[in-house]
C-alpha atoms as a PDB file:
ATOM      1  CA  MET A   1       0.000   0.000   0.000  1.00  0.00           C
ATOM      2  CA  ARG A   2       1.159   3.524  -0.765  1.00  0.00           C
ATOM      3  CA  ASN A   3       0.169   6.892   0.673  1.00  0.00           C
ATOM      4  CA  LEU A   4       0.096   9.556  -2.039  1.00  0.00           C
ATOM      5  CA  CYS A   5      -0.085  13.265  -1.248  1.00  0.00           C
ATOM      6  CA  MET A   6      -1.104  15.793  -3.881  1.00  0.00           C
ATOM      7  CA  LYS A   7      -1.707  19.485  -4.352  1.00  0.00           C
ATOM      8  CA  VAL A   8      -4.768  20.671  -6.253  1.00  0.00           C
ATOM      9  CA  SER A   9      -6.177  23.967  -7.479  1.00  0.00           C
ATOM     10  CA  TYR A  10      -9.840  24.432  -8.281  1.00  0.00           C
ATOM     11  CA  ASP A  11     -12.451  26.985  -9.215  1.00  0.00           C
ATOM     12  CA  GLY A  12     -15.173  26.260  -6.669  1.00  0.00           C
ATOM     13  CA  THR A  13     -17.936  28.217  -8.419  1.00  0.00           C
ATOM     14  CA  ASP A  14     -19.865  25.203  -9.627  1.00  0.00           C
ATOM     15  CA  TYR A  15     -19.281  22.956  -6.597  1.00  0.00           C
ATOM     16  CA  CYS A  16     -21.069  22.508  -3.275  1.00  0.00           C
ATOM     17  CA  GLY A  17     -17.743  22.768  -1.477  1.00  0.00           C
ATOM     18  CA  PHE A  18     -14.801  20.386  -1.255  1.00  0.00           C
ATOM     19  CA  GLN A  19     -16.143  17.662   1.008  1.00  0.00           C
ATOM     20  CA  THR A  20     -18.565  14.978  -0.178  1.00  0.00           C
ATOM     21  CA  GLN A  21     -22.199  15.746   0.706  1.00  0.00           C
ATOM     22  CA  PRO A  22     -25.452  13.815   0.354  1.00  0.00           C
ATOM     23  CA  ASP A  23     -26.701  16.169  -2.366  1.00  0.00           C
ATOM     24  CA  GLY A  24     -24.695  18.178  -4.856  1.00  0.00           C
ATOM     25  CA  SER A  25     -21.417  17.884  -6.732  1.00  0.00           C
ATOM     26  CA  THR A  26     -18.198  18.419  -4.747  1.00  0.00           C
ATOM     27  CA  VAL A  27     -14.487  18.620  -5.545  1.00  0.00           C
ATOM     28  CA  GLN A  28     -13.834  15.487  -3.493  1.00  0.00           C
ATOM     29  CA  ASP A  29     -16.373  13.590  -5.598  1.00  0.00           C
ATOM     30  CA  ALA A  30     -14.608  14.628  -8.806  1.00  0.00           C
ATOM     31  CA  LEU A  31     -11.159  13.652  -7.497  1.00  0.00           C
ATOM     32  CA  GLU A  32     -12.284  10.276  -6.200  1.00  0.00           C
ATOM     33  CA  LYS A  33     -14.089   9.557  -9.474  1.00  0.00           C
ATOM     34  CA  ALA A  34     -10.920  10.389 -11.450  1.00  0.00           C
ATOM     35  CA  ILE A  35      -8.841   8.096  -9.237  1.00  0.00           C
ATOM     36  CA  LYS A  36     -11.337   5.280  -9.762  1.00  0.00           C
ATOM     37  CA  LEU A  37     -11.270   5.794 -13.532  1.00  0.00           C
ATOM     38  CA  LEU A  38      -7.476   5.611 -13.417  1.00  0.00           C
ATOM     39  CA  THR A  39      -6.929   2.703 -11.021  1.00  0.00           C
ATOM     40  CA  GLY A  40     -10.303   1.000 -10.576  1.00  0.00           C
ATOM     41  CA  GLU A  41     -10.047   1.632  -6.817  1.00  0.00           C
ATOM     42  CA  GLU A  42     -12.698   3.091  -4.518  1.00  0.00           C
ATOM     43  CA  VAL A  43     -10.644   5.463  -2.372  1.00  0.00           C
ATOM     44  CA  LYS A  44     -11.444   8.118   0.197  1.00  0.00           C
ATOM     45  CA  ILE A  45      -9.222  11.167   0.048  1.00  0.00           C
ATOM     46  CA  HIS A  46      -8.311  13.271   3.077  1.00  0.00           C
ATOM     47  CA  ALA A  47      -7.892  17.006   2.528  1.00  0.00           C
ATOM     48  CA  SER A  48      -6.087  19.629   4.591  1.00  0.00           C
ATOM     49  CA  GLY A  49      -9.478  21.219   5.205  1.00  0.00           C
ATOM     50  CA  ARG A  50     -12.911  21.643   3.709  1.00  0.00           C
ATOM     51  CA  THR A  51     -13.893  24.683   1.672  1.00  0.00           C
ATOM     52  CA  ASP A  52     -17.476  25.935   1.438  1.00  0.00           C
ATOM     53  CA  ALA A  53     -19.632  26.111  -1.661  1.00  0.00           C
ATOM     54  CA  GLY A  54     -18.255  28.655  -4.113  1.00  0.00           C
ATOM     55  CA  VAL A  55     -14.851  28.922  -2.395  1.00  0.00           C
ATOM     56  CA  HIS A  56     -11.724  28.224  -4.451  1.00  0.00           C
ATOM     57  CA  ALA A  57      -8.282  26.778  -3.795  1.00  0.00           C
ATOM     58  CA  ARG A  58      -4.835  27.507  -5.153  1.00  0.00           C
ATOM     59  CA  GLY A  59      -3.002  25.070  -2.876  1.00  0.00           C
ATOM     60  CA  GLN A  60      -5.356  22.506  -1.365  1.00  0.00           C
ATOM     61  CA  VAL A  61      -3.495  19.386  -0.156  1.00  0.00           C
ATOM     62  CA  PHE A  62      -4.993  15.890  -0.027  1.00  0.00           C
ATOM     63  CA  ASN A  63      -3.751  12.346   0.480  1.00  0.00           C
ATOM     64  CA  PHE A  64      -5.106   8.832  -0.010  1.00  0.00           C
ATOM     65  CA  ILE A  65      -4.058   5.200   0.275  1.00  0.00           C
ATOM     66  CA  THR A  66      -3.660   3.216  -2.949  1.00  0.00           C
ATOM     67  CA  SER A  67      -2.385  -0.146  -4.042  1.00  0.00           C
ATOM     68  CA  SER A  68      -1.628   1.172  -7.526  1.00  0.00           C
ATOM     69  CA  ASP A  69       1.964   0.944  -8.740  1.00  0.00           C
ATOM     70  CA  ILE A  70       1.645   3.881 -11.164  1.00  0.00           C
ATOM     71  CA  PRO A  71       4.861   5.958 -10.822  1.00  0.00           C
ATOM     72  CA  VAL A  72       4.254   9.091  -8.777  1.00  0.00           C
ATOM     73  CA  GLU A  73       5.486  11.380 -11.564  1.00  0.00           C
ATOM     74  CA  ARG A  74       2.670  10.206 -13.853  1.00  0.00           C
ATOM     75  CA  TRP A  75      -0.240  10.837 -11.519  1.00  0.00           C
ATOM     76  CA  CYS A  76      -0.853  14.538 -12.208  1.00  0.00           C
ATOM     77  CA  ILE A  77      -1.182  14.203 -15.976  1.00  0.00           C
ATOM     78  CA  ALA A  78      -3.197  11.003 -15.657  1.00  0.00           C
ATOM     79  CA  LEU A  79      -5.684  12.527 -13.209  1.00  0.00           C
ATOM     80  CA  ASN A  80      -5.999  15.841 -15.050  1.00  0.00           C
ATOM     81  CA  SER A  81      -7.042  14.020 -18.211  1.00  0.00           C
ATOM     82  CA  ARG A  82      -9.927  12.553 -16.193  1.00  0.00           C
ATOM     83  CA  LEU A  83     -10.916  15.672 -14.236  1.00  0.00           C
ATOM     84  CA  PRO A  84     -13.155  18.584 -15.274  1.00  0.00           C
ATOM     85  CA  GLN A  85     -11.320  21.660 -16.503  1.00  0.00           C
ATOM     86  CA  ASP A  86     -11.907  23.619 -13.286  1.00  0.00           C
ATOM     87  CA  ILE A  87      -9.819  21.187 -11.192  1.00  0.00           C
ATOM     88  CA  ILE A  88      -6.063  20.782 -11.710  1.00  0.00           C
ATOM     89  CA  VAL A  89      -3.717  18.492  -9.754  1.00  0.00           C
ATOM     90  CA  TRP A  90      -0.197  19.910 -10.002  1.00  0.00           C
ATOM     91  CA  GLU A  91       2.026  18.197  -7.415  1.00  0.00           C
ATOM     92  CA  ALA A  92       2.287  14.600  -6.230  1.00  0.00           C
ATOM     93  CA  ALA A  93       4.538  12.789  -3.761  1.00  0.00           C
ATOM     94  CA  GLU A  94       4.635   9.411  -2.069  1.00  0.00           C
ATOM     95  CA  VAL A  95       4.662   9.980   1.701  1.00  0.00           C
ATOM     96  CA  PRO A  96       4.852   7.707   4.770  1.00  0.00           C
ATOM     97  CA  LEU A  97       1.641   5.910   5.679  1.00  0.00           C
ATOM     98  CA  GLU A  98       1.366   8.021   8.861  1.00  0.00           C
ATOM     99  CA  PHE A  99       1.034  11.295   6.935  1.00  0.00           C
ATOM    100  CA  HIS A 100      -2.429  12.900   7.056  1.00  0.00           C
ATOM    101  CA  SER A 101      -3.088  16.119   5.133  1.00  0.00           C
ATOM    102  CA  ARG A 102      -5.323  17.665   7.794  1.00  0.00           C
ATOM    103  CA  ARG A 103      -3.777  16.424  11.021  1.00  0.00           C
ATOM    104  CA  SER A 104      -0.221  17.167   9.855  1.00  0.00           C
ATOM    105  CA  ALA A 105      -1.000  20.701   8.658  1.00  0.00           C
ATOM    106  CA  LYS A 106       0.473  23.471  10.836  1.00  0.00           C
ATOM    107  CA  ARG A 107      -0.433  26.708   9.067  1.00  0.00           C
ATOM    108  CA  LYS A 108      -3.012  27.654   6.450  1.00  0.00           C
ATOM    109  CA  THR A 109      -3.251  30.830   4.418  1.00  0.00           C
ATOM    110  CA  TYR A 110      -6.417  32.185   2.835  1.00  0.00           C
ATOM    111  CA  ARG A 111      -6.688  35.111   0.459  1.00  0.00           C
ATOM    112  CA  TYR A 112      -9.818  37.164  -0.074  1.00  0.00           C
ATOM    113  CA  THR A 113      -9.958  39.558  -3.037  1.00  0.00           C
ATOM    114  CA  ILE A 114     -12.139  42.670  -3.225  1.00  0.00           C
ATOM    115  CA  ASN A 115     -12.253  44.412  -6.590  1.00  0.00           C
ATOM    116  CA  ALA A 116     -12.634  48.061  -5.577  1.00  0.00           C
ATOM    117  CA  ASN A 117     -12.522  49.409  -9.129  1.00  0.00           C
ATOM    118  CA  GLN A 118     -15.590  51.019 -10.687  1.00  0.00           C
ATOM    119  CA  PHE A 119     -16.159  48.106 -13.044  1.00  0.00           C
ATOM    120  CA  PRO A 120     -15.757  44.365 -12.450  1.00  0.00           C
ATOM    121  CA  ASP A 121     -13.019  42.395 -14.170  1.00  0.00           C
ATOM    122  CA  LEU A 122     -14.751  40.272 -16.782  1.00  0.00           C
ATOM    123  CA  PHE A 123     -12.077  37.583 -16.662  1.00  0.00           C
ATOM    124  CA  GLN A 124     -11.715  37.385 -12.856  1.00  0.00           C
ATOM    125  CA  ARG A 125     -15.326  37.891 -11.879  1.00  0.00           C
ATOM    126  CA  ARG A 126     -15.656  34.347 -10.506  1.00  0.00           C
ATOM    127  CA  THR A 127     -12.866  34.846  -7.966  1.00  0.00           C
ATOM    128  CA  GLN A 128     -13.377  38.461  -6.864  1.00  0.00           C
ATOM    129  CA  PHE A 129     -16.015  40.334  -4.896  1.00  0.00           C
ATOM    130  CA  HIS A 130     -16.774  43.559  -6.763  1.00  0.00           C
ATOM    131  CA  HIS A 131     -17.313  46.590  -4.502  1.00  0.00           C
ATOM    132  CA  PRO A 132     -17.281  49.811  -6.568  1.00  0.00           C
ATOM    133  CA  VAL A 133     -18.163  52.173  -3.678  1.00  0.00           C
ATOM    134  CA  LYS A 134     -15.186  54.005  -2.133  1.00  0.00           C
ATOM    135  CA  LEU A 135     -13.590  52.296   0.878  1.00  0.00           C
ATOM    136  CA  ASP A 136     -11.244  53.573   3.586  1.00  0.00           C
ATOM    137  CA  ILE A 137      -8.541  51.011   2.872  1.00  0.00           C
ATOM    138  CA  ALA A 138      -6.130  52.351   5.499  1.00  0.00           C
ATOM    139  CA  ALA A 139      -8.788  51.901   8.195  1.00  0.00           C
ATOM    140  CA  MET A 140      -9.422  48.341   7.010  1.00  0.00           C
ATOM    141  CA  ALA A 141      -5.711  47.521   7.247  1.00  0.00           C
ATOM    142  CA  GLU A 142      -5.590  48.985  10.756  1.00  0.00           C
ATOM    143  CA  GLY A 143      -8.604  46.958  11.862  1.00  0.00           C
ATOM    144  CA  LEU A 144      -7.105  43.743  10.499  1.00  0.00           C
ATOM    145  CA  LYS A 145      -4.005  44.086  12.681  1.00  0.00           C
ATOM    146  CA  HIS A 146      -6.102  43.745  15.858  1.00  0.00           C
ATOM    147  CA  LEU A 147      -6.885  40.135  14.943  1.00  0.00           C
ATOM    148  CA  ILE A 148      -3.286  38.894  14.933  1.00  0.00           C
ATOM    149  CA  GLY A 149      -2.565  36.603  17.888  1.00  0.00           C
ATOM    150  CA  THR A 150      -4.492  33.970  19.827  1.00  0.00           C
ATOM    151  CA  HIS A 151      -8.124  34.876  20.469  1.00  0.00           C
ATOM    152  CA  ASP A 152     -11.571  33.418  20.947  1.00  0.00           C
ATOM    153  CA  PHE A 153     -13.058  34.009  17.492  1.00  0.00           C
ATOM    154  CA  THR A 154     -16.680  33.212  18.410  1.00  0.00           C
ATOM    155  CA  SER A 155     -17.766  36.612  17.037  1.00  0.00           C
ATOM    156  CA  PHE A 156     -16.226  35.621  13.690  1.00  0.00           C
ATOM    157  CA  ALA A 157     -17.644  32.079  13.513  1.00  0.00           C
ATOM    158  CA  SER A 158     -20.833  30.837  11.921  1.00  0.00           C
ATOM    159  CA  ARG A 159     -23.713  30.468  14.349  1.00  0.00           C
ATOM    160  CA  HIS A 160     -23.867  26.870  13.140  1.00  0.00           C
ATOM    161  CA  SER A 161     -20.295  26.102  14.218  1.00  0.00           C
ATOM    162  CA  THR A 162     -20.050  22.831  16.160  1.00  0.00           C
ATOM    163  CA  LYS A 163     -16.407  23.185  17.201  1.00  0.00           C
ATOM    164  CA  PRO A 164     -15.902  22.670  20.966  1.00  0.00           C
ATOM    165  CA  SER A 165     -13.473  25.607  21.066  1.00  0.00           C
ATOM    166  CA  HIS A 166     -13.352  28.795  19.011  1.00  0.00           C
ATOM    167  CA  ILE A 167      -9.848  29.728  20.107  1.00  0.00           C
ATOM    168  CA  ARG A 168      -7.572  30.097  17.102  1.00  0.00           C
ATOM    169  CA  THR A 169      -4.246  31.785  16.366  1.00  0.00           C
ATOM    170  CA  LEU A 170      -3.649  34.182  13.479  1.00  0.00           C
ATOM    171  CA  TYR A 171       0.089  34.304  12.837  1.00  0.00           C
ATOM    172  CA  GLU A 172      -0.075  36.855  10.036  1.00  0.00           C
ATOM    173  CA  ALA A 173      -2.733  39.144   8.588  1.00  0.00           C
ATOM    174  CA  GLU A 174      -2.001  41.556   5.761  1.00  0.00           C
ATOM    175  CA  LEU A 175      -3.909  43.787   3.371  1.00  0.00           C
ATOM    176  CA  VAL A 176      -2.223  44.338  -0.006  1.00  0.00           C
ATOM    177  CA  VAL A 177      -3.499  46.694  -2.726  1.00  0.00           C
ATOM    178  CA  ASP A 178      -2.788  46.026  -6.403  1.00  0.00           C
ATOM    179  CA  ASP A 179      -3.509  49.223  -8.345  1.00  0.00           C
ATOM    180  CA  SER A 180      -2.054  48.034 -11.651  1.00  0.00           C
ATOM    181  CA  MET A 181      -5.510  47.866 -13.237  1.00  0.00           C
ATOM    182  CA  CYS A 182      -6.695  51.272 -12.021  1.00  0.00           C
ATOM    183  CA  ARG A 183      -7.628  53.733 -14.755  1.00  0.00           C
ATOM    184  CA  PRO A 184      -5.964  57.154 -14.379  1.00  0.00           C
ATOM    185  CA  GLY A 185      -8.300  59.946 -13.334  1.00  0.00           C
ATOM    186  CA  THR A 186     -11.059  57.611 -12.088  1.00  0.00           C
ATOM    187  CA  ARG A 187     -12.269  56.532  -8.664  1.00  0.00           C
ATOM    188  CA  ASP A 188     -10.768  53.066  -9.100  1.00  0.00           C
ATOM    189  CA  GLN A 189      -9.102  51.815  -5.888  1.00  0.00           C
ATOM    190  CA  GLY A 190      -7.579  48.613  -7.219  1.00  0.00           C
ATOM    191  CA  LEU A 191      -7.697  45.041  -6.021  1.00  0.00           C
ATOM    192  CA  ILE A 192      -7.658  44.612  -2.250  1.00  0.00           C
ATOM    193  CA  HIS A 193      -6.082  41.287  -1.302  1.00  0.00           C
ATOM    194  CA  ILE A 194      -6.560  40.238   2.329  1.00  0.00           C
ATOM    195  CA  TYR A 195      -4.187  37.459   3.427  1.00  0.00           C
ATOM    196  CA  VAL A 196      -4.679  35.646   6.740  1.00  0.00           C
ATOM    197  CA  THR A 197      -2.433  32.844   8.002  1.00  0.00           C
ATOM    198  CA  GLY A 198      -3.440  30.824  11.034  1.00  0.00           C
ATOM    199  CA  SER A 199      -3.312  27.532  12.878  1.00  0.00           C
ATOM    200  CA  GLY A 200      -6.810  26.765  11.666  1.00  0.00           C
ATOM    201  CA  PHE A 201     -10.074  28.466  10.784  1.00  0.00           C
ATOM    202  CA  LEU A 202     -13.679  28.207  11.900  1.00  0.00           C
ATOM    203  CA  GLN A 203     -16.634  27.923   9.546  1.00  0.00           C
ATOM    204  CA  HIS A 204     -17.044  31.222   7.636  1.00  0.00           C
ATOM    205  CA  MET A 205     -14.331  32.828   9.813  1.00  0.00           C
ATOM    206  CA  VAL A 206     -12.372  34.499   7.015  1.00  0.00           C
ATOM    207  CA  ARG A 207     -15.521  35.668   5.240  1.00  0.00           C
ATOM    208  CA  ILE A 208     -16.886  37.216   8.460  1.00  0.00           C
ATOM    209  CA  ILE A 209     -13.531  38.936   9.053  1.00  0.00           C
ATOM    210  CA  VAL A 210     -13.759  40.388   5.540  1.00  0.00           C
ATOM    211  CA  GLY A 211     -17.382  41.415   6.049  1.00  0.00           C
ATOM    212  CA  THR A 212     -16.364  43.251   9.223  1.00  0.00           C
ATOM    213  CA  LEU A 213     -13.459  44.949   7.446  1.00  0.00           C
ATOM    214  CA  LEU A 214     -15.880  46.126   4.764  1.00  0.00           C
ATOM    215  CA  GLU A 215     -18.032  47.677   7.502  1.00  0.00           C
ATOM    216  CA  ILE A 216     -14.905  49.524   8.671  1.00  0.00           C
ATOM    217  CA  GLY A 217     -14.074  50.548   5.107  1.00  0.00           C
ATOM    218  CA  LYS A 218     -17.571  52.005   4.683  1.00  0.00           C
ATOM    219  CA  GLY A 219     -17.319  53.919   7.968  1.00  0.00           C
ATOM    220  CA  ARG A 220     -19.968  51.890   9.783  1.00  0.00           C
ATOM    221  CA  LYS A 221     -17.407  50.551  12.262  1.00  0.00           C
ATOM    222  CA  LYS A 222     -14.027  51.822  13.447  1.00  0.00           C
ATOM    223  CA  PRO A 223     -10.699  49.947  13.408  1.00  0.00           C
ATOM    224  CA  GLY A 224     -10.599  50.253  17.194  1.00  0.00           C
ATOM    225  CA  ASP A 225     -13.869  48.325  17.469  1.00  0.00           C
ATOM    226  CA  MET A 226     -12.122  45.045  16.666  1.00  0.00           C
ATOM    227  CA  PRO A 227     -10.918  44.228  20.224  1.00  0.00           C
ATOM    228  CA  ALA A 228     -14.426  44.795  21.606  1.00  0.00           C
ATOM    229  CA  ILE A 229     -15.932  42.601  18.881  1.00  0.00           C
ATOM    230  CA  LEU A 230     -13.530  39.798  19.817  1.00  0.00           C
ATOM    231  CA  GLU A 231     -14.217  40.248  23.517  1.00  0.00           C
ATOM    232  CA  ALA A 232     -17.988  40.108  23.019  1.00  0.00           C
ATOM    233  CA  LYS A 233     -17.899  36.520  21.694  1.00  0.00           C
ATOM    234  CA  ASP A 234     -21.140  37.371  19.943  1.00  0.00           C
ATOM    235  CA  ARG A 235     -21.667  36.785  16.214  1.00  0.00           C
ATOM    236  CA  SER A 236     -24.089  39.715  15.987  1.00  0.00           C
ATOM    237  CA  LYS A 237     -21.298  42.183  16.889  1.00  0.00           C
ATOM    238  CA  ALA A 238     -19.246  41.432  13.778  1.00  0.00           C
ATOM    239  CA  GLY A 239     -20.074  42.308  10.196  1.00  0.00           C
ATOM    240  CA  PRO A 240     -21.957  40.225   7.610  1.00  0.00           C
ATOM    241  CA  THR A 241     -20.475  37.145   5.956  1.00  0.00           C
ATOM    242  CA  ALA A 242     -18.741  38.195   2.738  1.00  0.00           C
ATOM    243  CA  VAL A 243     -19.702  36.316  -0.430  1.00  0.00           C
ATOM    244  CA  ALA A 244     -17.883  33.043  -1.031  1.00  0.00           C
ATOM    245  CA  LYS A 245     -16.439  33.697  -4.475  1.00  0.00           C
ATOM    246  CA  GLY A 246     -13.719  36.099  -3.287  1.00  0.00           C
ATOM    247  CA  LEU A 247     -12.100  33.473  -1.037  1.00  0.00           C
ATOM    248  CA  ILE A 248      -9.210  31.199  -2.011  1.00  0.00           C
ATOM    249  CA  LEU A 249      -7.402  28.611   0.100  1.00  0.00           C
ATOM    250  CA  TRP A 250      -3.984  29.941  -0.808  1.00  0.00           C
ATOM    251  CA  ASN A 251      -1.442  27.664   0.835  1.00  0.00           C
ATOM    252  CA  VAL A 252      -0.970  24.927   3.441  1.00  0.00           C
ATOM    253  CA  GLU A 253       2.257  24.530   5.394  1.00  0.00           C
ATOM    254  CA  TYR A 254       3.768  21.597   7.262  1.00  0.00           C
ATOM    255  CA  GLU A 255       6.450  21.361   9.948  1.00  0.00           C
ATOM    256  CA  ALA A 256       9.870  20.166   8.798  1.00  0.00           C
ATOM    257  CA  ALA A 257      10.329  18.639  12.259  1.00  0.00           C
ATOM    258  CA  ASP A 258       7.496  16.214  11.572  1.00  0.00           C
ATOM    259  CA  GLU A 259       9.949  13.896   9.834  1.00  0.00           C
ATOM    260  CA  ASN A 260       7.785  10.781   9.995  1.00  0.00           C
ATOM    261  CA  ASN A 261       5.051  12.434   7.967  1.00  0.00           C
ATOM    262  CA  LEU A 262       6.953  14.793   5.701  1.00  0.00           C
ATOM    263  CA  LYS A 263      10.356  13.356   4.810  1.00  0.00           C
ATOM    264  CA  SER A 264       9.175  12.654   1.248  1.00  0.00           C
ATOM    265  CA  ALA A 265       6.823  15.606   0.628  1.00  0.00           C
ATOM    266  CA  CYS A 266       9.331  18.195   1.822  1.00  0.00           C
ATOM    267  CA  ASP A 267      11.479  17.635  -1.255  1.00  0.00           C
ATOM    268  CA  LEU A 268       8.766  18.930  -3.578  1.00  0.00           C
ATOM    269  CA  PRO A 269       8.729  22.627  -4.507  1.00  0.00           C
ATOM    270  CA  GLY A 270       4.952  22.749  -4.119  1.00  0.00           C
ATOM    271  CA  PHE A 271       5.017  21.795  -0.448  1.00  0.00           C
ATOM    272  CA  THR A 272       6.020  24.685   1.790  1.00  0.00           C
ATOM    273  CA  VAL A 273       7.930  23.864   4.950  1.00  0.00           C
ATOM    274  CA  LYS A 274       8.416  26.272   7.827  1.00  0.00           C
END
């Protein structure tokens, strides 16, 4: 038996999330179907984390057990020829049997993109939230900084969250503006990329953070309100949940010290090690 670990990118627009569900098409379903078409095996893949309906991934990681002897370097091309065009597997490695994509993950980074130009980008409209009304971007960046550290993120979790603890750590949080597509002499503000890196994330957590930052950008909340929102541990104190399509699972990182699980995967350029 072999444990194969892979990295996949997908446009989540037409999927009901990553994880298999009773009703609706998911990314996991498509991957497992492609593996069956290739090897004849019924496998269950394990991902670094689930993504909601409409959310995308640039660097989702998954692993599965197989008895196939197909060389690891052939898997990406073989799977991609059996996958829909909005899912691409682009890294593969054979890892120790103990490796588990979710349990071994140490840090995850999400990126949310707000298109703050007057007009939407026709070619990126599936992966950006268009907000043409002027925003106070500096205030948004200031508000974001208050979330770095270890906090109880109940105010930023879905009311339907079933996690026993809402304490999470944000290691990094950054707002980056790309104004390369702004038209001179207009009210275009560019693309606002919000990057958050943490130990793990609650259901809708990043989207609620973004929704709260948008409230700050529109002047409805102040950057200094963030500590009080955290302290309240009350979902109603934060902003609305931002739409799914602007969110991308950007990267997943694994500890180099976890030698039993990562000694093979660490050699691949697509697997980041801290």
